[in-house]
Amino acid sequence: MEKSTQNNGQGLYSPRGKVSLGQAVPMALQHVVAMVVGCISMPMLVAGAGGLAGKEQIVMVQASLLGAAIAIFLQHYPICGLVGSGLPVMIGSGFAFLPTLSSIVGQYGMAAMLGAQLFGALMGILVGVFFKYIRRLFPPIVTGSVVVTIGISLYDTAINYMAGGVSTAPDYGSMKNWLLALITLATVIVCGQFGKGMVKASSTLLGMVVGYLVALAMSMIDFSGIGEAAWFQLPQPLHFGVEFVPSAMVALGIVFVVNAVQDMGQLEASANGAFDRNATPGEISGGVIANNIASMIGGLLGGSPVATAGQNVGIVTTTKVINRKVFTLAAGIVALAALMPKFALILTTIPQPVLGGATITVFASIAMTGVRMLAREGLSARSMFIAGLSIALAIGIPQTANVFAGFPQWMTDIFGRSEVSIVAISSILLNLIVPKEQKAK
């Protein structure tokens, strides 16, 4: 009996090891809970910018969830060694797209936004296809800087969630919100640092469960709106139509290329966190291609683009759970949520202080993974200069209001609000410009 339990435990920490359903389900739920709220809130924010409400919002949410589920399956079941990474990653909606998507849908409407998404996804696929030719542009100094920035850029999201999520809410920053967030965080810390086995591996999920129960006791759960959603609903291809507007296509195409760099960083972080090695060119190329194929499918269905979910990379780095069965179950749950809108909306009842308290340690692990990637390559004076300056620009510029006030709006949309865009471009340019250090003879 002891031997069987040990083998199951080892299986959970190997890609194709044998695990029981009882072990896999909690791990899968932990990943789903970490990514699904963003996967739902992202299309709802875009829908709001486009003046959509009610059933049309649900169509967008449904399509976004289904696109994410397709991407997860593609990542874990690579096709012909060309599509999919085979790395332990989860895919969700890409928030790096939000400012540009909102701007396009506000100016030109949903059809133009989805047309731009199809074009942008094609650009992302081309980046993946030709990755081996442009690989030299993305050495560890670049991808490590991107991963560090991804982690740091998520810190204010976690803190904002801990305070209540919406700064205009009457209870934002209240003692009640902070108490709920700290109870959740304390549960995650106790389970993750002092627990063993499944308790340690499920620390984020257990923190959310405890936080949710406390919130329920404090009457902080809002179930309104769930009754209006259907139990079952099939996807509706081309529900919003497709229109190709050149300016929208170019603006979103640039963001897709930058997001491909972000995906590269997340894939590198996943390989480093799970296997203590760098991702191979084939894993990165296949991972980028898979995500953009899913974004293209999502666009045809009316959903938002997808990206590798950083919070889930953090969970993998923290727990070391990499079994493919876990991620297959997670993809199945996300697909089920896409077909059952009522179930998807139930997941959104998790209070934001609970999400903040549960994910801040995950975001911290992402940044530390980036630091480890940089350290592995050696912290020379050159690499510290490139990484330090790139990260400083990436974190500093978006925090400064109207920093590009004298420039066209697309400058603000692409660079003024996206830390990842800035760190990717600046680190690539600096790596090409700054002279390499002379090796001692």
Protein backbone atom coordinates (compact mmCIF):
# COMPACT_ATOMS: atom_id res chain seq x y z
CA MET A 1 0.00 0.00 0.00
CA GLU A 2 2.80 2.34 0.89
CA LYS A 3 4.57 1.53 -2.37
CA SER A 4 1.43 2.26 -4.41
CA THR A 5 0.92 5.60 -2.70
CA GLN A 6 4.54 6.51 -3.33
CA ASN A 7 4.27 5.61 -7.00
CA ASN A 8 1.11 7.70 -7.35
CA GLY A 9 2.88 10.62 -5.70
CA GLN A 10 5.79 10.31 -8.10
CA GLY A 11 3.36 10.06 -11.00
CA LEU A 12 1.82 13.39 -10.10
CA TYR A 13 5.24 14.97 -10.57
CA SER A 14 6.01 13.36 -13.93
CA PRO A 15 4.38 14.21 -17.29
CA ARG A 16 2.90 10.78 -17.98
CA GLY A 17 3.00 9.12 -14.57
CA LYS A 18 0.07 7.09 -13.26
CA VAL A 19 -2.19 9.10 -10.96
CA SER A 20 -5.63 8.54 -9.49
CA LEU A 21 -8.62 10.70 -10.35
CA GLY A 22 -8.75 11.77 -6.71
CA GLN A 23 -5.25 13.21 -7.00
CA ALA A 24 -5.73 14.80 -10.41
CA VAL A 25 -9.05 16.57 -9.83
CA PRO A 26 -7.90 18.95 -7.03
CA MET A 27 -4.82 19.89 -9.04
CA ALA A 28 -6.93 20.53 -12.14
CA LEU A 29 -9.44 22.62 -10.19
CA GLN A 30 -6.62 24.69 -8.73
CA HIS A 31 -5.45 25.57 -12.25
CA VAL A 32 -8.98 26.27 -13.49
CA VAL A 33 -9.83 28.56 -10.57
CA ALA A 34 -6.58 30.49 -11.08
CA MET A 35 -7.22 31.24 -14.76
CA VAL A 36 -10.98 31.10 -15.35
CA VAL A 37 -11.96 34.39 -13.71
CA GLY A 38 -9.57 36.30 -15.96
CA CYS A 39 -10.83 34.27 -18.91
CA ILE A 40 -14.35 35.46 -18.10
CA SER A 41 -13.65 39.03 -16.99
CA MET A 42 -11.47 39.85 -20.05
CA PRO A 43 -14.22 39.35 -22.69
CA MET A 44 -16.74 41.06 -20.42
CA LEU A 45 -14.51 44.13 -20.22
CA VAL A 46 -14.12 44.16 -24.02
CA ALA A 47 -17.87 43.66 -24.43
CA GLY A 48 -18.47 46.60 -22.10
CA ALA A 49 -16.17 48.80 -24.20
CA GLY A 50 -18.22 47.82 -27.24
CA GLY A 51 -21.54 48.53 -25.56
CA LEU A 52 -22.56 44.86 -25.52
CA ALA A 53 -24.59 43.38 -22.68
CA GLY A 54 -26.64 40.36 -21.66
CA LYS A 55 -26.67 37.45 -24.10
CA GLU A 56 -23.96 38.94 -26.32
CA GLN A 57 -21.59 39.12 -23.35
CA ILE A 58 -22.26 35.46 -22.65
CA VAL A 59 -21.46 34.61 -26.30
CA MET A 60 -18.07 36.33 -25.89
CA VAL A 61 -17.36 34.59 -22.58
CA GLN A 62 -18.35 31.23 -24.02
CA ALA A 63 -16.10 31.68 -27.06
CA SER A 64 -13.17 32.83 -24.92
CA LEU A 65 -13.43 29.80 -22.64
CA LEU A 66 -13.68 27.42 -25.58
CA GLY A 67 -10.65 29.03 -27.25
CA ALA A 68 -8.67 28.59 -24.03
CA ALA A 69 -9.73 24.93 -23.73
CA ILE A 70 -8.65 24.24 -27.32
CA ALA A 71 -5.28 25.89 -26.66
CA ILE A 72 -4.69 23.80 -23.52
CA PHE A 73 -5.42 20.58 -25.43
CA LEU A 74 -3.08 21.65 -28.26
CA GLN A 75 -0.28 22.44 -25.80
CA HIS A 76 -0.46 19.03 -24.11
CA TYR A 77 -1.12 16.95 -27.22
CA PRO A 78 1.26 18.42 -29.84
CA ILE A 79 0.40 17.78 -33.48
CA CYS A 80 3.22 16.41 -35.64
CA GLY A 81 5.75 18.09 -33.38
CA LEU A 82 4.78 21.44 -34.92
CA VAL A 83 1.71 22.66 -33.00
CA GLY A 84 1.87 22.58 -29.20
CA SER A 85 4.72 22.72 -26.70
CA GLY A 86 4.18 19.65 -24.53
CA LEU A 87 5.06 21.83 -21.52
CA PRO A 88 2.88 21.98 -18.34
CA VAL A 89 1.05 25.22 -19.13
CA MET A 90 -2.48 26.58 -18.89
CA ILE A 91 -3.91 29.05 -21.37
CA GLY A 92 -6.31 31.89 -20.62
CA SER A 93 -7.32 35.27 -22.00
CA GLY A 94 -4.38 37.59 -22.68
CA PHE A 95 -4.76 40.85 -20.74
CA ALA A 96 -1.94 42.41 -22.75
CA PHE A 97 -4.52 42.72 -25.56
CA LEU A 98 -7.13 44.53 -23.46
CA PRO A 99 -6.26 48.22 -24.12
CA THR A 100 -5.97 47.75 -27.89
CA LEU A 101 -9.07 45.54 -28.13
CA SER A 102 -11.12 48.04 -26.13
CA SER A 103 -9.92 50.91 -28.33
CA ILE A 104 -10.74 49.05 -31.56
CA VAL A 105 -14.17 47.83 -30.46
CA GLY A 106 -15.02 51.33 -29.23
CA GLN A 107 -14.02 52.95 -32.53
CA TYR A 108 -14.93 50.37 -35.17
CA GLY A 109 -17.14 47.76 -33.50
CA MET A 110 -16.96 44.04 -32.79
CA ALA A 111 -16.69 42.88 -36.41
CA ALA A 112 -13.58 45.02 -36.98
CA MET A 113 -12.05 43.88 -33.69
CA LEU A 114 -12.50 40.22 -34.60
CA GLY A 115 -11.13 40.82 -38.11
CA ALA A 116 -8.06 42.44 -36.57
CA GLN A 117 -7.79 39.47 -34.21
CA LEU A 118 -7.72 37.01 -37.11
CA PHE A 119 -4.96 39.03 -38.79
CA GLY A 120 -3.01 39.41 -35.55
CA ALA A 121 -3.24 35.67 -34.83
CA LEU A 122 -1.80 35.01 -38.28
CA MET A 123 1.12 37.32 -37.40
CA GLY A 124 1.62 35.38 -34.17
CA ILE A 125 1.64 32.08 -36.06
CA LEU A 126 4.33 33.44 -38.40
CA VAL A 127 6.47 34.40 -35.39
CA GLY A 128 6.20 30.80 -34.17
CA VAL A 129 6.91 29.30 -37.61
CA PHE A 130 10.03 31.41 -38.16
CA PHE A 131 11.20 31.30 -34.54
CA LYS A 132 14.35 29.34 -35.39
CA TYR A 133 15.42 32.16 -37.71
CA ILE A 134 14.78 34.92 -35.17
CA ARG A 135 15.80 32.92 -32.12
CA ARG A 136 18.96 34.98 -31.62
CA LEU A 137 16.74 37.96 -30.82
CA PHE A 138 15.45 36.13 -27.72
CA PRO A 139 18.41 34.94 -25.62
CA PRO A 140 17.97 34.30 -21.86
CA ILE A 141 18.74 37.96 -21.07
CA VAL A 142 15.60 38.91 -23.04
CA THR A 143 13.26 36.10 -21.95
CA GLY A 144 14.48 36.34 -18.35
CA SER A 145 13.78 40.08 -18.29
CA VAL A 146 10.32 39.44 -19.75
CA VAL A 147 9.51 36.81 -17.09
CA VAL A 148 10.69 39.08 -14.23
CA THR A 149 8.54 41.90 -15.60
CA ILE A 150 5.51 39.64 -16.01
CA GLY A 151 5.74 38.72 -12.33
CA ILE A 152 6.31 42.27 -11.11
CA SER A 153 3.55 43.70 -13.32
CA LEU A 154 1.06 41.33 -11.68
CA TYR A 155 1.86 42.47 -8.13
CA ASP A 156 -0.44 45.49 -8.21
CA THR A 157 -3.20 43.25 -9.61
CA ALA A 158 -2.93 40.95 -6.58
CA ILE A 159 -2.79 43.86 -4.12
CA ASN A 160 -5.74 45.55 -5.84
CA TYR A 161 -7.72 42.31 -5.57
CA MET A 162 -6.82 42.00 -1.88
CA ALA A 163 -8.20 45.49 -1.29
CA GLY A 164 -11.45 44.73 -3.11
CA GLY A 165 -10.71 44.88 -6.84
CA VAL A 166 -12.66 48.02 -7.79
CA SER A 167 -11.29 51.26 -6.35
CA THR A 168 -14.67 52.99 -6.69
CA ALA A 169 -16.47 50.34 -4.61
CA PRO A 170 -17.68 51.58 -1.21
CA ASP A 171 -15.80 48.84 0.64
CA TYR A 172 -12.54 49.12 -1.31
CA GLY A 173 -9.60 48.94 1.10
CA SER A 174 -11.90 48.05 3.99
CA MET A 175 -10.76 46.00 6.98
CA LYS A 176 -13.26 43.31 5.95
CA ASN A 177 -11.63 42.88 2.53
CA TRP A 178 -8.12 42.80 3.96
CA LEU A 179 -9.13 40.34 6.67
CA LEU A 180 -10.56 37.99 4.03
CA ALA A 181 -7.46 38.36 1.86
CA LEU A 182 -5.06 37.75 4.75
CA ILE A 183 -6.99 34.67 5.93
CA THR A 184 -6.70 33.29 2.39
CA LEU A 185 -2.99 34.16 2.19
CA ALA A 186 -2.30 32.64 5.60
CA THR A 187 -3.99 29.41 4.51
CA VAL A 188 -1.87 29.27 1.36
CA ILE A 189 1.32 29.87 3.38
CA VAL A 190 0.50 27.29 6.05
CA CYS A 191 -0.51 24.62 3.53
CA GLY A 192 2.33 25.36 1.11
CA GLN A 193 5.16 25.72 3.63
CA PHE A 194 4.12 23.37 6.42
CA GLY A 195 1.86 20.88 4.62
CA LYS A 196 2.90 17.68 2.89
CA GLY A 197 1.77 15.71 -0.14
CA MET A 198 -1.55 16.81 -1.62
CA VAL A 199 -2.04 19.51 1.02
CA LYS A 200 1.22 21.18 -0.04
CA ALA A 201 0.53 20.73 -3.76
CA SER A 202 -3.05 22.10 -3.44
CA SER A 203 -2.13 25.08 -1.25
CA THR A 204 -3.54 27.70 -3.65
CA LEU A 205 -6.83 25.82 -4.09
CA LEU A 206 -7.17 25.20 -0.34
CA GLY A 207 -6.55 28.88 0.32
CA MET A 208 -9.35 29.77 -2.10
CA VAL A 209 -11.73 27.22 -0.56
CA VAL A 210 -11.11 28.52 2.98
CA GLY A 211 -11.39 32.12 1.79
CA TYR A 212 -14.63 31.37 -0.06
CA LEU A 213 -16.21 29.72 3.00
CA VAL A 214 -15.18 32.67 5.19
CA ALA A 215 -16.62 35.08 2.60
CA LEU A 216 -19.86 33.08 2.55
CA ALA A 217 -20.07 33.37 6.34
CA MET A 218 -19.44 37.12 6.03
CA SER A 219 -22.22 37.48 3.39
CA MET A 220 -19.70 38.63 0.76
CA ILE A 221 -20.80 36.27 -2.06
CA ASP A 222 -23.00 37.74 -4.79
CA PHE A 223 -25.07 35.15 -6.70
CA SER A 224 -27.09 37.70 -8.69
CA GLY A 225 -27.03 37.25 -12.47
CA ILE A 226 -26.45 33.50 -12.40
CA GLY A 227 -30.15 32.75 -12.78
CA GLU A 228 -30.28 34.56 -16.14
CA ALA A 229 -27.60 32.36 -17.73
CA ALA A 230 -28.52 29.18 -19.62
CA TRP A 231 -27.52 25.72 -18.43
CA PHE A 232 -26.34 24.68 -21.90
CA GLN A 233 -25.49 26.70 -25.00
CA LEU A 234 -23.58 25.81 -28.17
CA PRO A 235 -20.98 28.21 -29.65
CA GLN A 236 -22.22 30.66 -32.29
CA PRO A 237 -19.59 31.06 -35.08
CA LEU A 238 -19.45 34.49 -36.75
CA HIS A 239 -22.18 35.77 -34.44
CA PHE A 240 -20.71 39.28 -34.61
CA GLY A 241 -19.42 39.04 -38.20
CA VAL A 242 -15.91 39.90 -39.39
CA GLU A 243 -14.62 43.14 -40.90
CA PHE A 244 -11.05 44.00 -41.86
CA VAL A 245 -10.02 47.57 -41.01
CA PRO A 246 -6.33 48.20 -41.90
CA SER A 247 -5.48 50.52 -39.00
CA ALA A 248 -7.06 48.13 -36.48
CA MET A 249 -5.25 45.19 -38.05
CA VAL A 250 -1.84 46.87 -37.80
CA ALA A 251 -2.35 48.01 -34.20
CA LEU A 252 -3.51 44.61 -32.98
CA GLY A 253 -0.96 42.79 -35.15
CA ILE A 254 1.86 44.53 -33.27
CA VAL A 255 0.35 43.47 -29.95
CA PHE A 256 0.12 39.86 -31.15
CA VAL A 257 3.82 39.88 -32.05
CA VAL A 258 4.68 41.30 -28.63
CA ASN A 259 2.37 38.77 -26.97
CA ALA A 260 4.28 36.01 -28.77
CA VAL A 261 7.38 37.25 -26.94
CA GLN A 262 5.42 37.15 -23.68
CA ASP A 263 4.39 33.56 -24.47
CA MET A 264 8.05 32.74 -25.10
CA GLY A 265 8.88 34.09 -21.66
CA GLN A 266 6.08 32.09 -20.03
CA LEU A 267 7.13 28.92 -21.84
CA GLU A 268 10.72 29.50 -20.70
CA ALA A 269 9.47 30.08 -17.15
CA SER A 270 7.46 26.86 -17.31
CA ALA A 271 10.42 24.79 -18.51
CA ASN A 272 12.68 26.35 -15.90
CA GLY A 273 10.16 26.03 -13.07
CA ALA A 274 9.06 22.49 -13.90
CA PHE A 275 12.22 20.88 -15.30
CA ASP A 276 15.02 23.26 -14.26
CA ARG A 277 16.08 23.74 -17.88
CA ASN A 278 15.54 26.12 -20.76
CA ALA A 279 12.71 25.47 -23.22
CA THR A 280 13.77 23.98 -26.55
CA PRO A 281 13.23 25.90 -29.83
CA GLY A 282 10.61 23.31 -30.84
CA GLU A 283 8.69 23.76 -27.58
CA ILE A 284 8.65 27.53 -27.93
CA SER A 285 7.75 27.49 -31.63
CA GLY A 286 4.98 24.92 -31.15
CA GLY A 287 3.64 26.69 -28.08
CA VAL A 288 3.38 30.06 -29.84
CA ILE A 289 1.75 28.50 -32.91
CA ALA A 290 -0.82 26.61 -30.80
CA ASN A 291 -1.86 29.70 -28.85
CA ASN A 292 -2.35 31.74 -32.00
CA ILE A 293 -4.33 29.01 -33.74
CA ALA A 294 -6.61 29.00 -30.69
CA SER A 295 -6.85 32.82 -30.85
CA MET A 296 -7.89 32.52 -34.49
CA ILE A 297 -10.58 29.96 -33.63
CA GLY A 298 -11.69 32.15 -30.72
CA GLY A 299 -11.97 35.11 -33.09
CA LEU A 300 -14.24 33.17 -35.44
CA LEU A 301 -16.44 32.25 -32.47
CA GLY A 302 -16.46 35.81 -31.07
CA GLY A 303 -14.02 35.44 -28.16
CA SER A 304 -10.89 37.25 -27.00
CA PRO A 305 -7.28 36.21 -27.80
CA VAL A 306 -5.48 33.72 -25.57
CA ALA A 307 -2.08 33.72 -23.91
CA THR A 308 -0.09 31.47 -21.60
CA ALA A 309 -1.42 32.11 -18.09
CA GLY A 310 1.36 33.44 -15.86
CA GLN A 311 -0.42 32.65 -12.61
CA ASN A 312 -0.63 28.99 -13.64
CA VAL A 313 3.06 28.94 -14.53
CA GLY A 314 3.58 30.14 -10.97
CA ILE A 315 1.46 27.27 -9.63
CA VAL A 316 3.54 24.75 -11.59
CA THR A 317 6.74 26.35 -10.33
CA THR A 318 5.46 26.22 -6.76
CA THR A 319 3.89 22.73 -6.73
CA LYS A 320 6.03 20.92 -9.36
CA VAL A 321 2.86 19.07 -10.46
CA ILE A 322 3.34 18.44 -14.20
CA ASN A 323 1.22 15.37 -14.94
CA ARG A 324 -0.58 15.64 -18.28
CA LYS A 325 -3.76 14.10 -16.84
CA VAL A 326 -4.12 17.12 -14.55
CA PHE A 327 -4.04 19.55 -17.48
CA THR A 328 -6.31 17.37 -19.61
CA LEU A 329 -8.90 17.42 -16.83
CA ALA A 330 -8.47 21.18 -16.48
CA ALA A 331 -9.04 21.66 -20.22
CA GLY A 332 -12.15 19.48 -20.00
CA ILE A 333 -13.52 21.56 -17.11
CA VAL A 334 -12.89 24.80 -19.04
CA ALA A 335 -14.61 23.34 -22.12
CA LEU A 336 -17.55 22.27 -19.94
CA ALA A 337 -17.74 25.79 -18.53
CA ALA A 338 -17.83 27.12 -22.10
CA LEU A 339 -20.86 24.99 -22.91
CA MET A 340 -22.57 25.69 -19.56
CA PRO A 341 -22.65 29.48 -19.01
CA LYS A 342 -24.35 29.12 -15.62
CA PHE A 343 -21.45 27.00 -14.33
CA ALA A 344 -18.90 29.51 -15.63
CA LEU A 345 -20.63 32.40 -13.88
CA ILE A 346 -20.67 30.49 -10.58
CA LEU A 347 -16.85 30.56 -10.66
CA THR A 348 -16.94 34.35 -10.94
CA THR A 349 -18.62 34.60 -7.52
CA ILE A 350 -15.22 34.09 -5.88
CA PRO A 351 -14.60 37.43 -4.08
CA GLN A 352 -11.63 39.38 -5.35
CA PRO A 353 -9.92 39.58 -1.92
CA VAL A 354 -9.83 35.77 -2.00
CA LEU A 355 -8.24 35.80 -5.46
CA GLY A 356 -5.66 38.38 -4.37
CA GLY A 357 -4.72 36.52 -1.21
CA ALA A 358 -4.36 33.24 -3.10
CA THR A 359 -2.41 34.50 -6.11
CA ILE A 360 0.13 36.97 -4.70
CA THR A 361 2.52 34.14 -3.80
CA VAL A 362 2.04 32.70 -7.29
CA PHE A 363 2.94 36.02 -8.92
CA ALA A 364 6.00 36.28 -6.68
CA SER A 365 7.22 32.88 -7.87
CA ILE A 366 6.98 34.02 -11.51
CA ALA A 367 9.30 36.96 -10.91
CA MET A 368 11.73 34.80 -8.95
CA THR A 369 11.76 32.28 -11.80
CA GLY A 370 12.85 35.12 -14.09
CA VAL A 371 15.61 36.07 -11.64
CA ARG A 372 16.80 32.48 -11.65
CA MET A 373 16.84 32.46 -15.47
CA LEU A 374 19.01 35.59 -15.47
CA ALA A 375 21.30 34.23 -12.75
CA ARG A 376 21.77 30.96 -14.61
CA GLU A 377 23.27 32.85 -17.55
CA GLY A 378 25.54 34.85 -15.25
CA LEU A 379 24.90 38.32 -13.84
CA SER A 380 27.64 40.17 -15.69
CA ALA A 381 27.81 43.96 -15.81
CA ARG A 382 26.33 43.86 -19.34
CA SER A 383 23.43 41.58 -18.49
CA MET A 384 22.58 43.53 -15.32
CA PHE A 385 22.58 46.78 -17.32
CA ILE A 386 20.31 45.39 -20.04
CA ALA A 387 17.89 43.67 -17.64
CA GLY A 388 17.90 46.53 -15.12
CA LEU A 389 17.22 49.28 -17.67
CA SER A 390 14.62 47.26 -19.57
CA ILE A 391 12.71 46.34 -16.41
CA ALA A 392 12.95 49.92 -15.09
CA LEU A 393 11.40 51.31 -18.29
CA ALA A 394 8.76 48.58 -18.37
CA ILE A 395 7.61 49.15 -14.80
CA GLY A 396 8.05 52.93 -14.75
CA ILE A 397 6.38 54.05 -17.98
CA PRO A 398 2.90 52.51 -17.43
CA GLN A 399 2.82 53.95 -13.90
CA THR A 400 3.20 57.50 -15.23
CA ALA A 401 -0.02 59.17 -16.39
CA ASN A 402 -0.06 60.79 -19.86
CA VAL A 403 3.55 59.79 -20.45
CA PHE A 404 2.92 59.79 -24.24
CA ALA A 405 0.49 62.71 -24.26
CA GLY A 406 2.16 64.28 -27.31
CA PHE A 407 2.15 61.07 -29.35
CA PRO A 408 -0.55 59.29 -31.39
CA GLN A 409 -3.04 57.24 -29.39
CA TRP A 410 -1.62 53.94 -30.65
CA MET A 411 1.64 54.73 -28.81
CA THR A 412 -0.25 54.82 -25.52
CA ASP A 413 -2.31 51.74 -26.41
CA ILE A 414 0.73 49.61 -27.27
CA PHE A 415 3.54 50.98 -25.11
CA GLY A 416 1.98 53.23 -22.48
CA ARG A 417 -0.05 50.47 -20.84
CA SER A 418 1.90 47.27 -21.51
CA GLU A 419 4.93 46.45 -19.40
CA VAL A 420 5.61 43.37 -21.53
CA SER A 421 5.72 45.36 -24.78
CA ILE A 422 8.28 47.75 -23.31
CA VAL A 423 10.55 45.16 -21.70
CA ALA A 424 10.53 42.95 -24.81
CA ILE A 425 11.44 45.70 -27.25
CA SER A 426 13.95 47.47 -25.00
CA SER A 427 15.77 44.27 -23.99
CA ILE A 428 15.97 43.07 -27.61
CA LEU A 429 17.36 46.41 -28.81
CA LEU A 430 19.81 46.76 -25.92
CA ASN A 431 21.05 43.21 -26.42
CA LEU A 432 21.77 44.02 -30.08
CA ILE A 433 23.36 47.42 -29.37
CA VAL A 434 25.38 47.02 -26.17
CA PRO A 435 28.84 45.54 -26.93
CA LYS A 436 29.44 42.06 -25.68
CA GLU A 437 32.03 41.68 -22.96
CA GLN A 438 35.47 40.47 -23.93
CA LYS A 439 36.24 37.03 -22.61
CA ALA A 440 39.38 36.79 -20.51
CA LYS A 441 42.25 35.13 -22.38
